[in-house]
């Protein structure tokens, strides 16, 4: 039972992280090249992946794996000064 609650909370974190990142980007608090924006996207997408895998709900897994990979690639570019 505790595992189920943990994975549900993890999934909700993911949803909130991505929504907050999107809202803050559109309200001009962030730019797409902002490390915090990309961290919210990356961690949010991974949280949804883990939550969805637990439920064997594969479409969100595929979407959010791609989302996380894009965010990770941009994070690497930001960290190494390539953006």
C-alpha atoms as a PDB file:
ATOM      1  CA  UNK A   1       0.000   0.000   0.000  1.00  0.00           C
ATOM      2  CA  UNK A   2       2.812   2.452   0.839  1.00  0.00           C
ATOM      3  CA  UNK A   3       4.499   1.746  -2.501  1.00  0.00           C
ATOM      4  CA  UNK A   4       1.288   2.642  -4.317  1.00  0.00           C
ATOM      5  CA  UNK A   5       1.025   5.944  -2.442  1.00  0.00           C
ATOM      6  CA  UNK A   6       4.713   6.673  -3.098  1.00  0.00           C
ATOM      7  CA  UNK A   7       4.383   6.089  -6.853  1.00  0.00           C
ATOM      8  CA  UNK A   8       1.191   8.161  -6.990  1.00  0.00           C
ATOM      9  CA  UNK A   9       2.922  11.046  -5.221  1.00  0.00           C
ATOM     10  CA  UNK A  10       5.869  10.660  -7.567  1.00  0.00           C
ATOM     11  CA  UNK A  11       3.523  10.897 -10.541  1.00  0.00           C
ATOM     12  CA  UNK A  12       1.791  13.972  -9.135  1.00  0.00           C
ATOM     13  CA  UNK A  13       5.173  15.623  -8.567  1.00  0.00           C
ATOM     14  CA  UNK A  14       5.952  15.002 -12.231  1.00  0.00           C
ATOM     15  CA  UNK A  15       2.714  16.549 -13.418  1.00  0.00           C
ATOM     16  CA  UNK A  16       3.142  19.595 -11.174  1.00  0.00           C
ATOM     17  CA  UNK A  17       6.810  20.075 -12.117  1.00  0.00           C
ATOM     18  CA  UNK A  18       6.075  20.091 -15.846  1.00  0.00           C
ATOM     19  CA  UNK A  19       3.018  22.327 -15.450  1.00  0.00           C
ATOM     20  CA  UNK A  20       4.880  24.819 -13.244  1.00  0.00           C
ATOM     21  CA  UNK A  21       7.772  24.902 -15.724  1.00  0.00           C
ATOM     22  CA  UNK A  22       5.377  25.497 -18.628  1.00  0.00           C
ATOM     23  CA  UNK A  23       3.440  28.213 -16.793  1.00  0.00           C
ATOM     24  CA  UNK A  24       6.599  30.025 -15.652  1.00  0.00           C
ATOM     25  CA  UNK A  25       8.039  29.856 -19.173  1.00  0.00           C
ATOM     26  CA  UNK A  26       4.882  31.371 -20.647  1.00  0.00           C
ATOM     27  CA  UNK A  27       4.760  34.082 -17.985  1.00  0.00           C
ATOM     28  CA  UNK A  28       8.372  34.963 -18.934  1.00  0.00           C
ATOM     29  CA  UNK A  29       9.871  33.983 -15.581  1.00  0.00           C
ATOM     30  CA  UNK A  30      12.144  31.536 -17.425  1.00  0.00           C
ATOM     31  CA  UNK A  31      13.700  31.164 -20.827  1.00  0.00           C
ATOM     32  CA  UNK A  32      13.940  27.744 -22.443  1.00  0.00           C
ATOM     33  CA  UNK A  33      17.710  27.853 -21.846  1.00  0.00           C
ATOM     34  CA  UNK A  34      17.239  28.274 -18.080  1.00  0.00           C
ATOM     35  CA  UNK A  35      18.709  25.405 -16.050  1.00  0.00           C
ATOM     36  CA  UNK A  36      15.820  25.428 -13.546  1.00  0.00           C
ATOM     37  CA  UNK A  37      13.263  25.176 -16.349  1.00  0.00           C
ATOM     38  CA  UNK A  38      15.056  22.181 -17.815  1.00  0.00           C
ATOM     39  CA  UNK A  39      15.513  20.553 -14.387  1.00  0.00           C
ATOM     40  CA  UNK A  40      11.772  20.806 -13.741  1.00  0.00           C
ATOM     41  CA  UNK A  41      11.081  19.231 -17.125  1.00  0.00           C
ATOM     42  CA  UNK A  42      13.666  16.492 -16.659  1.00  0.00           C
ATOM     43  CA  UNK A  43      12.715  15.487 -13.115  1.00  0.00           C
ATOM     44  CA  UNK A  44       9.008  15.846 -13.830  1.00  0.00           C
ATOM     45  CA  UNK A  45       9.176  13.626 -16.886  1.00  0.00           C
ATOM     46  CA  UNK A  46      11.198  10.958 -15.064  1.00  0.00           C
ATOM     47  CA  UNK A  47       8.720  10.973 -12.182  1.00  0.00           C
ATOM     48  CA  UNK A  48       5.854  10.362 -14.605  1.00  0.00           C
ATOM     49  CA  UNK A  49       7.850   7.576 -16.275  1.00  0.00           C
ATOM     50  CA  UNK A  50       8.376   5.739 -12.985  1.00  0.00           C
ATOM     51  CA  UNK A  51       4.789   6.229 -11.907  1.00  0.00           C
ATOM     52  CA  UNK A  52       3.447   5.055 -15.271  1.00  0.00           C
ATOM     53  CA  UNK A  53       5.750   2.029 -15.413  1.00  0.00           C
ATOM     54  CA  UNK A  54       4.381   0.888 -12.064  1.00  0.00           C
ATOM     55  CA  UNK A  55       0.867   1.000 -13.533  1.00  0.00           C
ATOM     56  CA  UNK A  56       2.007  -0.551 -16.828  1.00  0.00           C
ATOM     57  CA  UNK A  57       0.618   2.463 -18.662  1.00  0.00           C
ATOM     58  CA  UNK A  58       3.063   2.681 -21.561  1.00  0.00           C
ATOM     59  CA  UNK A  59       1.992   5.681 -23.693  1.00  0.00           C
ATOM     60  CA  UNK A  60       2.957   8.196 -20.950  1.00  0.00           C
ATOM     61  CA  UNK A  61       6.215   6.267 -20.493  1.00  0.00           C
ATOM     62  CA  UNK A  62       7.188   6.776 -24.139  1.00  0.00           C
ATOM     63  CA  UNK A  63       6.136  10.431 -24.219  1.00  0.00           C
ATOM     64  CA  UNK A  64       7.933  11.297 -21.001  1.00  0.00           C
ATOM     65  CA  UNK A  65      11.083   9.337 -21.820  1.00  0.00           C
ATOM     66  CA  UNK A  66      11.416  11.467 -24.933  1.00  0.00           C
ATOM     67  CA  UNK A  67      10.583  14.594 -22.893  1.00  0.00           C
ATOM     68  CA  UNK A  68      13.253  13.675 -20.331  1.00  0.00           C
ATOM     69  CA  UNK A  69      15.861  12.914 -22.996  1.00  0.00           C
ATOM     70  CA  UNK A  70      15.314  16.286 -24.672  1.00  0.00           C
ATOM     71  CA  UNK A  71      15.529  18.101 -21.332  1.00  0.00           C
ATOM     72  CA  UNK A  72      18.649  16.117 -20.391  1.00  0.00           C
ATOM     73  CA  UNK A  73      20.330  17.002 -23.685  1.00  0.00           C
ATOM     74  CA  UNK A  74      19.597  20.671 -23.164  1.00  0.00           C
ATOM     75  CA  UNK A  75      20.817  20.480 -19.551  1.00  0.00           C
ATOM     76  CA  UNK A  76      24.120  19.039 -20.753  1.00  0.00           C
ATOM     77  CA  UNK A  77      24.461  21.852 -23.284  1.00  0.00           C
ATOM     78  CA  UNK A  78      23.695  24.452 -20.613  1.00  0.00           C
ATOM     79  CA  UNK A  79      26.159  22.943 -18.129  1.00  0.00           C
ATOM     80  CA  UNK A  80      28.975  22.795 -20.677  1.00  0.00           C
ATOM     81  CA  UNK A  81      28.222  26.252 -22.064  1.00  0.00           C
ATOM     82  CA  UNK A  82      27.123  25.076 -25.480  1.00  0.00           C
ATOM     83  CA  UNK A  83      23.888  27.086 -25.405  1.00  0.00           C
END
